[in-house]
């Protein structure tokens, strides 16, 4: 069985846009609606849980909120706490079922990338994640100066969705330092796992700054989703 969790309890403080970034408008719809669309359209999906802030009053106003596969729960202090809450809210999932975790502010996921992730990550006992190889020269910083150049051939930029077995991910999140887990793959790595890297596209960007919105809109238009 295949399930999904989308943590959406963040405040988007870095953007300073007056509301969480997942609710900013992108082509006439909220960013989170675009993020949820490929998951909800995936034919194998059994259930999707969106994890909200305790005082969230925006999600219920969206058209997608009434989707039959979708339910919500309340998140925690960190991303890892929120994902764990989402895992625990899955209705009928078994420890061996697979769970996708996707960013609420990552609206440009391509359906073919999602399908490739599901097919390839299921072949790995430690699951996997979408990622792209580093293109630019990468520098190690020390006191504001470049101290060394990293070997970019071994560096990948992590994206979402990420796919893991429910029991493995839950255990990794419960036993790890949840305040310092930056994504689900990092929790699996800390538990000794080696998630598979599945190459995606660079336009699967995460909306972090206001100037990310025009780039996201251009990507969605190129995909025919606007």
Protein backbone atom coordinates (compact mmCIF):
# COMPACT_ATOMS: atom_id res chain seq x y z
CA UNK A 1 0.00 0.00 0.00
CA UNK A 2 1.08 3.57 -0.66
CA UNK A 3 0.34 6.55 1.60
CA UNK A 4 1.50 10.17 1.78
CA UNK A 5 2.18 12.79 4.44
CA UNK A 6 2.59 16.48 3.67
CA UNK A 7 3.84 18.61 6.60
CA UNK A 8 2.30 22.09 6.33
CA UNK A 9 2.63 23.44 9.85
CA UNK A 10 5.48 25.86 9.05
CA UNK A 11 5.13 29.63 9.30
CA UNK A 12 7.41 30.63 6.42
CA UNK A 13 9.13 33.25 8.55
CA UNK A 14 12.01 33.75 6.10
CA UNK A 15 9.63 34.96 3.40
CA UNK A 16 7.90 37.63 5.54
CA UNK A 17 4.86 37.50 3.25
CA UNK A 18 2.15 37.93 5.88
CA UNK A 19 0.97 34.32 5.64
CA UNK A 20 2.61 30.89 5.41
CA UNK A 21 4.28 30.35 2.05
CA UNK A 22 2.15 27.28 1.28
CA UNK A 23 -0.89 29.58 1.02
CA UNK A 24 0.62 32.14 -1.35
CA UNK A 25 -1.16 32.35 -4.68
CA UNK A 26 0.45 30.71 -7.69
CA UNK A 27 -1.51 30.87 -10.93
CA UNK A 28 -4.79 31.41 -9.10
CA UNK A 29 -4.37 28.57 -6.61
CA UNK A 30 -2.46 28.16 -3.35
CA UNK A 31 1.06 26.75 -3.54
CA UNK A 32 0.00 23.75 -1.45
CA UNK A 33 -2.77 22.86 -3.89
CA UNK A 34 -0.21 22.51 -6.66
CA UNK A 35 2.00 20.44 -4.34
CA UNK A 36 -0.82 18.04 -3.48
CA UNK A 37 -2.13 17.57 -7.01
CA UNK A 38 0.39 15.00 -8.33
CA UNK A 39 0.10 12.93 -5.15
CA UNK A 40 -3.69 12.88 -5.14
CA UNK A 41 -3.70 11.98 -8.85
CA UNK A 42 -1.32 9.04 -8.34
CA UNK A 43 -3.43 5.91 -8.92
CA UNK A 44 -1.84 3.80 -6.15
CA UNK A 45 -2.36 6.32 -3.34
CA UNK A 46 -4.59 5.13 -0.51
CA UNK A 47 -4.59 8.18 1.78
CA UNK A 48 -2.88 11.55 2.17
CA UNK A 49 -2.52 13.33 5.51
CA UNK A 50 -1.79 17.07 5.58
CA UNK A 51 -0.24 18.15 8.87
CA UNK A 52 -1.35 21.62 9.94
CA UNK A 53 -0.46 24.20 12.58
CA UNK A 54 -2.86 24.19 15.56
CA UNK A 55 -4.31 27.58 14.58
CA UNK A 56 -4.46 26.99 10.82
CA UNK A 57 -7.68 28.47 9.38
CA UNK A 58 -6.61 28.58 5.73
CA UNK A 59 -6.48 24.98 4.60
CA UNK A 60 -10.17 24.29 5.14
CA UNK A 61 -11.04 27.10 2.71
CA UNK A 62 -9.23 25.43 -0.20
CA UNK A 63 -11.10 23.35 -2.75
CA UNK A 64 -8.69 20.45 -2.31
CA UNK A 65 -9.64 20.13 1.38
CA UNK A 66 -12.69 18.07 0.45
CA UNK A 67 -10.80 15.45 -1.55
CA UNK A 68 -11.91 11.93 -0.49
CA UNK A 69 -8.32 10.68 -0.02
CA UNK A 70 -7.31 13.61 2.14
CA UNK A 71 -7.40 14.07 5.92
CA UNK A 72 -5.62 16.42 8.32
CA UNK A 73 -3.98 16.37 11.71
CA UNK A 74 -2.10 18.83 13.94
CA UNK A 75 1.69 19.04 13.77
CA UNK A 76 4.43 19.64 16.30
CA UNK A 77 7.36 21.90 17.10
CA UNK A 78 9.63 20.65 14.32
CA UNK A 79 9.26 19.18 10.84
CA UNK A 80 10.15 15.75 12.21
CA UNK A 81 7.49 16.06 14.94
CA UNK A 82 4.93 17.00 12.29
CA UNK A 83 5.85 14.12 9.99
CA UNK A 84 5.65 11.73 12.92
CA UNK A 85 2.18 13.06 13.74
CA UNK A 86 1.17 12.52 10.12
CA UNK A 87 2.45 8.93 10.16
CA UNK A 88 0.47 8.23 13.32
CA UNK A 89 -2.67 9.67 11.68
CA UNK A 90 -2.67 7.21 8.78
CA UNK A 91 -5.82 5.16 9.18
CA UNK A 92 -5.02 1.64 8.07
CA UNK A 93 -1.34 1.70 7.21
CA UNK A 94 0.90 -1.23 8.17
CA UNK A 95 4.56 -0.94 9.18
CA UNK A 96 5.59 -2.46 5.84
CA UNK A 97 3.51 -0.04 3.75
CA UNK A 98 5.27 2.75 1.87
CA UNK A 99 4.85 6.43 2.76
CA UNK A 100 5.69 9.44 0.62
CA UNK A 101 6.63 12.67 2.40
CA UNK A 102 6.42 15.83 0.31
CA UNK A 103 6.97 19.53 1.01
CA UNK A 104 3.83 21.68 1.06
CA UNK A 105 5.82 24.49 -0.58
CA UNK A 106 7.22 22.39 -3.44
CA UNK A 107 4.54 22.90 -6.12
CA UNK A 108 6.30 21.81 -9.33
CA UNK A 109 6.67 18.04 -8.84
CA UNK A 110 6.46 16.30 -12.20
CA UNK A 111 4.19 13.23 -12.28
CA UNK A 112 6.82 11.20 -14.14
CA UNK A 113 9.39 12.01 -11.42
CA UNK A 114 6.93 10.85 -8.78
CA UNK A 115 6.33 7.59 -10.64
CA UNK A 116 10.07 6.99 -11.12
CA UNK A 117 10.67 7.58 -7.40
CA UNK A 118 7.97 5.12 -6.37
CA UNK A 119 9.26 2.44 -8.74
CA UNK A 120 12.95 2.81 -7.92
CA UNK A 121 12.83 3.54 -4.19
CA UNK A 122 10.71 0.45 -3.57
CA UNK A 123 13.68 -1.64 -4.73
CA UNK A 124 15.77 -0.35 -1.84
CA UNK A 125 15.25 -1.58 1.74
CA UNK A 126 16.05 1.95 2.93
CA UNK A 127 13.70 3.73 0.50
CA UNK A 128 14.79 6.73 -1.50
CA UNK A 129 14.36 10.36 -2.41
CA UNK A 130 14.24 12.62 -5.43
CA UNK A 131 17.45 14.59 -5.84
CA UNK A 132 19.54 16.35 -8.47
CA UNK A 133 23.33 16.26 -8.93
CA UNK A 134 25.11 19.49 -8.00
CA UNK A 135 25.85 21.62 -11.07
CA UNK A 136 27.80 24.53 -9.61
CA UNK A 137 31.22 24.58 -8.01
CA UNK A 138 30.67 24.24 -4.26
CA UNK A 139 32.81 25.97 -1.64
CA UNK A 140 33.45 25.15 2.00
CA UNK A 141 33.04 28.33 4.04
CA UNK A 142 35.16 29.36 6.99
CA UNK A 143 34.54 32.73 8.66
CA UNK A 144 32.99 34.14 5.50
CA UNK A 145 35.79 33.01 3.19
CA UNK A 146 36.12 30.05 0.83
CA UNK A 147 38.43 27.55 2.51
CA UNK A 148 38.17 24.65 0.08
CA UNK A 149 36.34 23.37 -3.01
CA UNK A 150 34.12 20.33 -2.60
CA UNK A 151 34.04 17.47 -5.07
CA UNK A 152 30.67 18.17 -6.66
CA UNK A 153 30.61 14.75 -8.37
CA UNK A 154 29.61 13.27 -5.01
CA UNK A 155 27.13 16.01 -4.03
CA UNK A 156 23.39 15.83 -4.67
CA UNK A 157 20.69 18.36 -3.75
CA UNK A 158 17.86 16.65 -1.90
CA UNK A 159 14.25 17.22 -2.91
CA UNK A 160 10.91 15.70 -2.04
CA UNK A 161 8.95 13.50 -2.24
CA UNK A 162 10.92 10.97 -0.24
CA UNK A 163 9.65 7.40 0.12
CA UNK A 164 10.20 4.98 3.01
CA UNK A 165 8.49 2.10 4.72
CA UNK A 166 6.24 3.38 7.48
CA UNK A 167 7.80 1.36 10.28
CA UNK A 168 11.37 2.26 9.33
CA UNK A 169 10.63 5.98 9.07
CA UNK A 170 8.60 6.10 12.27
CA UNK A 171 11.37 4.38 14.22
CA UNK A 172 14.05 6.66 12.75
CA UNK A 173 12.07 9.77 13.67
CA UNK A 174 11.22 8.55 17.16
CA UNK A 175 14.83 7.65 17.98
CA UNK A 176 16.57 10.57 16.25
CA UNK A 177 17.16 14.15 17.39
CA UNK A 178 13.99 15.58 15.85
CA UNK A 179 15.02 19.21 16.25
CA UNK A 180 18.03 18.61 13.98
CA UNK A 181 16.50 16.31 11.35
CA UNK A 182 16.25 18.42 8.20
CA UNK A 183 14.52 15.85 6.00
CA UNK A 184 13.29 12.28 6.32
CA UNK A 185 16.32 10.85 4.52
CA UNK A 186 18.59 12.40 7.16
CA UNK A 187 16.66 10.51 9.85
CA UNK A 188 17.14 7.25 7.95
CA UNK A 189 20.84 8.03 7.48
CA UNK A 190 21.30 8.70 11.21
CA UNK A 191 19.74 5.30 11.87
CA UNK A 192 22.34 3.65 9.62
CA UNK A 193 20.35 3.49 6.37
CA UNK A 194 21.40 4.48 2.85
CA UNK A 195 18.39 5.78 0.88
CA UNK A 196 18.53 5.53 -2.89
CA UNK A 197 19.04 8.77 -4.82
CA UNK A 198 16.52 9.00 -7.67
CA UNK A 199 17.31 11.75 -10.15
CA UNK A 200 14.55 14.30 -10.62
CA UNK A 201 14.37 17.69 -12.32
CA UNK A 202 15.88 20.95 -11.16
CA UNK A 203 12.57 22.80 -11.50
CA UNK A 204 11.11 20.83 -8.58
CA UNK A 205 11.93 23.87 -6.47
CA UNK A 206 10.85 24.71 -2.95
CA UNK A 207 9.23 28.13 -2.60
CA UNK A 208 11.36 29.87 0.02
CA UNK A 209 11.58 33.47 -1.18
CA UNK A 210 9.04 35.64 -3.02
CA UNK A 211 11.16 35.61 -6.18
CA UNK A 212 10.75 31.81 -6.31
CA UNK A 213 7.09 32.28 -7.28
CA UNK A 214 7.72 33.47 -10.88
CA UNK A 215 10.08 30.55 -11.45
CA UNK A 216 7.52 28.11 -10.06
CA UNK A 217 4.82 29.61 -12.27
CA UNK A 218 7.04 29.26 -15.33
CA UNK A 219 7.67 25.61 -14.50
CA UNK A 220 3.97 24.86 -14.04
CA UNK A 221 3.16 26.56 -17.35
CA UNK A 222 5.85 24.55 -19.10
CA UNK A 223 4.30 21.37 -17.68
CA UNK A 224 0.84 22.43 -18.88
CA UNK A 225 -0.48 22.65 -15.33
CA UNK A 226 -1.52 26.32 -15.58
